[in-house]
Amino acid sequence: MKDIFEMNKIFCCPGFQHRIGDAGNRGVAVLVRKTPEGIRFLLQSRGIAFDDESKIHPMPVEININVSCEIGLQFCPFCGRRLQELIKAAPKAFDDLAEKHKNFQPADL
């Protein structure tokens, strides 16, 4: 049986929805972050999944490892939609996502 993808109405396109769903996983994801200025989006690349980070800390690592890096987003990298439009349409949904995603982000952002 073929899986059917159902688009959640708060997202602009399937690519954006999938990347938000990948928060905390190894690879590329979109994170939602709540700041004093409002909701912001981050494109994050993770070399190590959030759940696996504790596995590398006990042992000494003699090489530099890029666990994760982030860059801010103003437009969807897949369809080009202005992301503030999504926030205006569903502010509560993005507040909830920001709460779920706060563990996957460095504290100093």
N, C-alpha and C. Protein backbone atom coordinates (compact mmCIF):
# COMPACT_ATOMS: atom_id res chain seq x y z
N MET A 1 0.84 -1.17 0.00
CA MET A 1 0.00 0.00 0.00
C MET A 1 0.89 1.24 0.00
N LYS A 2 0.56 2.21 -0.81
CA LYS A 2 1.34 3.43 -0.94
C LYS A 2 0.94 4.42 0.15
N ASP A 3 1.96 5.01 0.83
CA ASP A 3 1.68 6.04 1.82
C ASP A 3 1.17 7.30 1.13
N ILE A 4 0.18 7.92 1.71
CA ILE A 4 -0.37 9.16 1.15
C ILE A 4 0.04 10.31 2.05
N PHE A 5 0.67 11.31 1.45
CA PHE A 5 1.08 12.50 2.19
C PHE A 5 -0.10 13.45 2.29
N GLU A 6 -0.39 13.90 3.49
CA GLU A 6 -1.46 14.88 3.67
C GLU A 6 -0.84 16.18 4.16
N MET A 7 -1.03 17.22 3.38
CA MET A 7 -0.47 18.53 3.68
C MET A 7 -1.20 19.16 4.85
N ASN A 8 -0.44 19.60 5.86
CA ASN A 8 -1.00 20.34 6.97
C ASN A 8 -1.21 21.78 6.49
N LYS A 9 -2.36 22.34 6.74
CA LYS A 9 -2.74 23.64 6.19
C LYS A 9 -1.89 24.81 6.70
N ILE A 10 -1.14 24.65 7.78
CA ILE A 10 -0.34 25.77 8.27
C ILE A 10 0.95 25.95 7.48
N PHE A 11 1.32 24.98 6.66
CA PHE A 11 2.55 25.06 5.88
C PHE A 11 2.27 25.50 4.46
N CYS A 12 3.29 26.04 3.81
CA CYS A 12 3.14 26.54 2.45
C CYS A 12 3.34 25.46 1.39
N CYS A 13 4.13 24.43 1.71
CA CYS A 13 4.42 23.39 0.72
C CYS A 13 4.92 22.13 1.43
N PRO A 14 4.89 20.98 0.76
CA PRO A 14 5.35 19.73 1.38
C PRO A 14 6.82 19.77 1.81
N GLY A 15 7.68 20.42 1.02
CA GLY A 15 9.10 20.48 1.37
C GLY A 15 9.31 21.16 2.71
N PHE A 16 8.62 22.26 2.94
CA PHE A 16 8.74 22.99 4.21
C PHE A 16 8.19 22.16 5.36
N GLN A 17 7.04 21.52 5.15
CA GLN A 17 6.44 20.69 6.19
C GLN A 17 7.37 19.53 6.58
N HIS A 18 7.97 18.89 5.59
CA HIS A 18 8.88 17.77 5.87
C HIS A 18 10.10 18.24 6.66
N ARG A 19 10.66 19.39 6.28
CA ARG A 19 11.86 19.88 6.96
C ARG A 19 11.55 20.28 8.40
N ILE A 20 10.37 20.83 8.66
CA ILE A 20 9.98 21.13 10.04
C ILE A 20 9.80 19.82 10.82
N GLY A 21 9.27 18.82 10.16
CA GLY A 21 9.09 17.52 10.80
C GLY A 21 10.40 16.82 11.13
N ASP A 22 11.50 17.24 10.50
CA ASP A 22 12.81 16.62 10.73
C ASP A 22 13.61 17.30 11.84
N ALA A 23 13.02 18.22 12.56
CA ALA A 23 13.73 18.91 13.64
C ALA A 23 14.35 17.91 14.61
N GLY A 24 15.63 18.10 14.90
CA GLY A 24 16.35 17.24 15.83
C GLY A 24 17.00 16.04 15.18
N ASN A 25 16.66 15.75 13.93
CA ASN A 25 17.25 14.61 13.24
C ASN A 25 18.53 15.02 12.52
N ARG A 26 19.35 14.04 12.21
CA ARG A 26 20.56 14.28 11.42
C ARG A 26 20.15 14.72 10.02
N GLY A 27 20.85 15.71 9.48
CA GLY A 27 20.53 16.23 8.15
C GLY A 27 20.05 17.66 8.25
N VAL A 28 19.21 18.08 7.31
CA VAL A 28 18.73 19.46 7.24
C VAL A 28 17.28 19.51 7.73
N ALA A 29 17.01 20.50 8.59
CA ALA A 29 15.66 20.70 9.12
C ALA A 29 15.39 22.18 9.26
N VAL A 30 14.12 22.52 9.38
CA VAL A 30 13.71 23.89 9.70
C VAL A 30 13.21 23.88 11.14
N LEU A 31 13.73 24.81 11.94
CA LEU A 31 13.31 24.95 13.33
C LEU A 31 12.51 26.22 13.49
N VAL A 32 11.58 26.19 14.42
CA VAL A 32 10.80 27.37 14.78
C VAL A 32 11.32 27.84 16.13
N ARG A 33 11.63 29.13 16.23
CA ARG A 33 12.18 29.68 17.47
C ARG A 33 11.39 30.91 17.89
N LYS A 34 11.04 30.97 19.16
CA LYS A 34 10.35 32.13 19.71
C LYS A 34 11.40 33.07 20.30
N THR A 35 11.40 34.32 19.87
CA THR A 35 12.33 35.33 20.34
C THR A 35 11.52 36.51 20.89
N PRO A 36 12.17 37.44 21.56
CA PRO A 36 11.44 38.63 22.02
C PRO A 36 10.81 39.41 20.86
N GLU A 37 11.38 39.28 19.67
CA GLU A 37 10.85 39.97 18.49
C GLU A 37 9.72 39.19 17.82
N GLY A 38 9.50 37.95 18.20
CA GLY A 38 8.45 37.12 17.61
C GLY A 38 8.99 35.78 17.13
N ILE A 39 8.19 35.08 16.36
CA ILE A 39 8.57 33.77 15.84
C ILE A 39 9.57 33.94 14.71
N ARG A 40 10.62 33.12 14.72
CA ARG A 40 11.64 33.11 13.67
C ARG A 40 11.84 31.67 13.21
N PHE A 41 12.34 31.52 11.99
CA PHE A 41 12.64 30.21 11.43
C PHE A 41 14.14 30.09 11.22
N LEU A 42 14.67 28.91 11.49
CA LEU A 42 16.09 28.62 11.29
C LEU A 42 16.23 27.40 10.40
N LEU A 43 17.14 27.48 9.46
CA LEU A 43 17.52 26.31 8.68
C LEU A 43 18.71 25.70 9.41
N GLN A 44 18.57 24.47 9.87
CA GLN A 44 19.60 23.82 10.66
C GLN A 44 20.14 22.60 9.95
N SER A 45 21.45 22.46 10.01
CA SER A 45 22.12 21.26 9.52
C SER A 45 22.71 20.56 10.73
N ARG A 46 22.39 19.29 10.90
CA ARG A 46 22.90 18.53 12.04
C ARG A 46 23.73 17.36 11.54
N GLY A 47 24.96 17.27 12.03
CA GLY A 47 25.81 16.13 11.74
C GLY A 47 25.51 14.96 12.65
N ILE A 48 24.89 15.25 13.78
CA ILE A 48 24.55 14.24 14.77
C ILE A 48 23.13 14.52 15.26
N ALA A 49 22.29 13.51 15.29
CA ALA A 49 20.92 13.69 15.77
C ALA A 49 20.94 14.14 17.23
N PHE A 50 19.97 14.96 17.61
CA PHE A 50 19.88 15.46 18.97
C PHE A 50 19.93 14.31 19.98
N ASP A 51 19.20 13.24 19.72
CA ASP A 51 19.15 12.11 20.65
C ASP A 51 20.49 11.38 20.77
N ASP A 52 21.39 11.55 19.80
CA ASP A 52 22.69 10.88 19.83
C ASP A 52 23.82 11.74 20.39
N GLU A 53 23.55 13.02 20.68
CA GLU A 53 24.61 13.90 21.17
C GLU A 53 25.26 13.40 22.45
N SER A 54 24.48 12.86 23.35
CA SER A 54 25.04 12.39 24.63
C SER A 54 26.00 11.23 24.44
N LYS A 55 25.91 10.54 23.32
CA LYS A 55 26.80 9.40 23.07
C LYS A 55 28.22 9.82 22.74
N ILE A 56 28.42 11.07 22.28
CA ILE A 56 29.77 11.50 21.93
C ILE A 56 30.45 12.27 23.05
N HIS A 57 29.73 12.75 24.05
CA HIS A 57 30.33 13.56 25.10
C HIS A 57 31.20 12.79 26.09
N PRO A 58 30.87 11.58 26.47
CA PRO A 58 31.72 10.90 27.47
C PRO A 58 33.12 10.55 26.97
N MET A 59 33.27 10.30 25.69
CA MET A 59 34.59 9.89 25.21
C MET A 59 35.33 11.09 24.61
N PRO A 60 36.65 11.13 24.75
CA PRO A 60 37.39 12.23 24.14
C PRO A 60 37.38 12.12 22.62
N VAL A 61 37.11 13.23 21.99
CA VAL A 61 37.09 13.28 20.53
C VAL A 61 38.26 14.14 20.09
N GLU A 62 39.13 13.59 19.25
CA GLU A 62 40.34 14.30 18.84
C GLU A 62 40.17 15.04 17.52
N ILE A 63 38.94 15.14 17.06
CA ILE A 63 38.66 15.90 15.84
C ILE A 63 37.53 16.87 16.11
N ASN A 64 37.45 17.91 15.30
CA ASN A 64 36.33 18.83 15.41
C ASN A 64 35.12 18.23 14.72
N ILE A 65 34.00 18.28 15.41
CA ILE A 65 32.75 17.77 14.86
C ILE A 65 31.74 18.90 14.85
N ASN A 66 31.15 19.15 13.70
CA ASN A 66 30.09 20.14 13.60
C ASN A 66 28.78 19.44 13.96
N VAL A 67 28.36 19.58 15.20
CA VAL A 67 27.13 18.93 15.65
C VAL A 67 25.93 19.55 14.95
N SER A 68 25.87 20.89 14.91
CA SER A 68 24.80 21.57 14.21
C SER A 68 25.19 23.00 13.90
N CYS A 69 24.56 23.56 12.87
CA CYS A 69 24.72 24.97 12.56
C CYS A 69 23.39 25.48 12.02
N GLU A 70 23.13 26.77 12.23
CA GLU A 70 21.85 27.36 11.87
C GLU A 70 22.04 28.65 11.09
N ILE A 71 21.04 28.97 10.30
CA ILE A 71 20.96 30.25 9.61
C ILE A 71 19.49 30.64 9.55
N GLY A 72 19.21 31.92 9.72
CA GLY A 72 17.83 32.40 9.72
C GLY A 72 17.19 32.33 8.34
N LEU A 73 15.88 32.18 8.34
CA LEU A 73 15.10 32.13 7.10
C LEU A 73 14.01 33.20 7.13
N GLN A 74 13.81 33.87 6.00
CA GLN A 74 12.67 34.77 5.85
C GLN A 74 11.70 34.27 4.80
N PHE A 75 12.18 33.40 3.91
CA PHE A 75 11.37 32.85 2.84
C PHE A 75 11.52 31.33 2.84
N CYS A 76 10.49 30.63 2.41
CA CYS A 76 10.56 29.17 2.29
C CYS A 76 11.63 28.83 1.25
N PRO A 77 12.57 27.95 1.60
CA PRO A 77 13.62 27.59 0.64
C PRO A 77 13.10 26.70 -0.51
N PHE A 78 11.86 26.25 -0.42
CA PHE A 78 11.31 25.36 -1.43
C PHE A 78 10.36 26.06 -2.40
N CYS A 79 9.46 26.89 -1.87
CA CYS A 79 8.48 27.54 -2.75
C CYS A 79 8.62 29.06 -2.78
N GLY A 80 9.42 29.63 -1.90
CA GLY A 80 9.67 31.06 -1.90
C GLY A 80 8.68 31.92 -1.13
N ARG A 81 7.73 31.30 -0.47
CA ARG A 81 6.71 32.08 0.26
C ARG A 81 7.34 32.82 1.44
N ARG A 82 6.88 34.01 1.69
CA ARG A 82 7.33 34.80 2.85
C ARG A 82 6.81 34.12 4.12
N LEU A 83 7.71 33.75 5.02
CA LEU A 83 7.34 32.94 6.18
C LEU A 83 6.52 33.71 7.21
N GLN A 84 6.64 35.03 7.26
CA GLN A 84 5.81 35.81 8.18
C GLN A 84 4.33 35.65 7.84
N GLU A 85 4.00 35.37 6.58
CA GLU A 85 2.61 35.14 6.20
C GLU A 85 2.05 33.88 6.87
N LEU A 86 2.90 32.86 7.00
CA LEU A 86 2.46 31.63 7.67
C LEU A 86 2.19 31.89 9.14
N ILE A 87 3.06 32.67 9.77
CA ILE A 87 2.91 32.97 11.19
C ILE A 87 1.63 33.75 11.43
N LYS A 88 1.34 34.73 10.58
CA LYS A 88 0.11 35.52 10.73
C LYS A 88 -1.13 34.66 10.60
N ALA A 89 -1.07 33.64 9.75
CA ALA A 89 -2.22 32.77 9.52
C ALA A 89 -2.46 31.77 10.65
N ALA A 90 -1.39 31.39 11.37
CA ALA A 90 -1.53 30.37 12.43
C ALA A 90 -0.54 30.62 13.57
N PRO A 91 -0.66 31.75 14.29
CA PRO A 91 0.33 32.07 15.33
C PRO A 91 0.41 31.03 16.45
N LYS A 92 -0.71 30.48 16.87
CA LYS A 92 -0.70 29.49 17.96
C LYS A 92 0.03 28.22 17.55
N ALA A 93 -0.18 27.78 16.33
CA ALA A 93 0.50 26.57 15.84
C ALA A 93 2.01 26.75 15.85
N PHE A 94 2.48 27.92 15.44
CA PHE A 94 3.92 28.15 15.42
C PHE A 94 4.50 28.39 16.81
N ASP A 95 3.71 28.95 17.73
CA ASP A 95 4.14 29.03 19.13
C ASP A 95 4.36 27.62 19.69
N ASP A 96 3.41 26.73 19.38
CA ASP A 96 3.52 25.34 19.85
C ASP A 96 4.76 24.66 19.25
N LEU A 97 5.01 24.88 17.96
CA LEU A 97 6.21 24.30 17.33
C LEU A 97 7.49 24.86 17.95
N ALA A 98 7.50 26.15 18.25
CA ALA A 98 8.69 26.75 18.88
C ALA A 98 8.98 26.09 20.22
N GLU A 99 7.94 25.79 20.96
CA GLU A 99 8.12 25.11 22.25
C GLU A 99 8.70 23.71 22.05
N LYS A 100 8.20 22.99 21.05
CA LYS A 100 8.71 21.64 20.76
C LYS A 100 10.15 21.67 20.26
N HIS A 101 10.54 22.72 19.54
CA HIS A 101 11.86 22.78 18.91
C HIS A 101 12.94 23.39 19.79
N LYS A 102 12.59 23.96 20.95
CA LYS A 102 13.60 24.69 21.72
C LYS A 102 14.75 23.80 22.19
N ASN A 103 14.54 22.53 22.38
CA ASN A 103 15.64 21.63 22.78
C ASN A 103 16.67 21.41 21.68
N PHE A 104 16.28 21.57 20.44
CA PHE A 104 17.15 21.27 19.31
C PHE A 104 18.05 22.43 18.91
N GLN A 105 17.98 23.55 19.65
CA GLN A 105 18.72 24.76 19.29
C GLN A 105 19.73 25.10 20.37
N PRO A 106 20.86 25.66 19.97
CA PRO A 106 21.82 26.13 20.98
C PRO A 106 21.20 27.22 21.83
N ALA A 107 21.55 27.27 23.09
CA ALA A 107 20.98 28.25 24.01
C ALA A 107 21.40 29.67 23.66
N ASP A 108 22.52 29.85 22.97
CA ASP A 108 23.05 31.19 22.72
C ASP A 108 22.46 31.85 21.48
N LEU A 109 21.50 31.24 20.82
CA LEU A 109 20.87 31.88 19.65
C LEU A 109 19.93 32.97 20.08
